[in-house]
Amino acid sequence: MLQEHGAGHARIKPPRPPVHTGDARADVDDWLFKVGQYFVTANVPANKQVLYAASLLSGSAASWWRAQWEAHEEDPVCRNWDVFRRTLADQFRFISSHTRAREDLYSTSVRMFRDMSEYCRFFRNKVIQIGNMSVEEQIFTFCRKLEPSIRAEIKSKRSDSLDASM
């Protein structure tokens, strides 16, 4: 959403980040990334970031924050975004998002998708989430889920990138 701001300059008003509950199914790393992007886009001052992020916590995450605030109000975890981010992630990262993405990638069957393009989008997304997957491993993992004839065709091309293999 754009708002007029002074002499014809438009300012972006990004959507409010989602609430984080601390639930094991919630990806704390993804949530922290979204909140950090909001801070950058909305130009949230550093001295307001932790309290704003804390206002987006509910459930067990809000309980954790309350305990932090009551015990350490002047501590860096309550005042510094980087310290808050690391501490919250350590508390609520049940399984790293990298591990979860890798498990999703290895346990998913191509047959679960309507078509190959949907599988390719899913695969690329998981590779991005994993982050440190070599090109060789990307191609190997992508191909191992395919029908033998398609796998053989891709291997015969000797592609040097995932995109070329797809």
Foldseek 3Di string as FASTA:
>chain_A
DWDQDPPRDIADQDDDQAAAELDLVDALVVSLVVLVVNCVRVVPDQQCSLVSNLVRYHHPLVVVVVVCCVVPVPDCCNGGSVNVSVVSCVSRCPDHQLVVLVVCLQPDAPVVDPDDVVVVVSLVVSCVSNPPQAQVRSLVSVLVRDDVVLSVVLVVVVDPGNVSSD
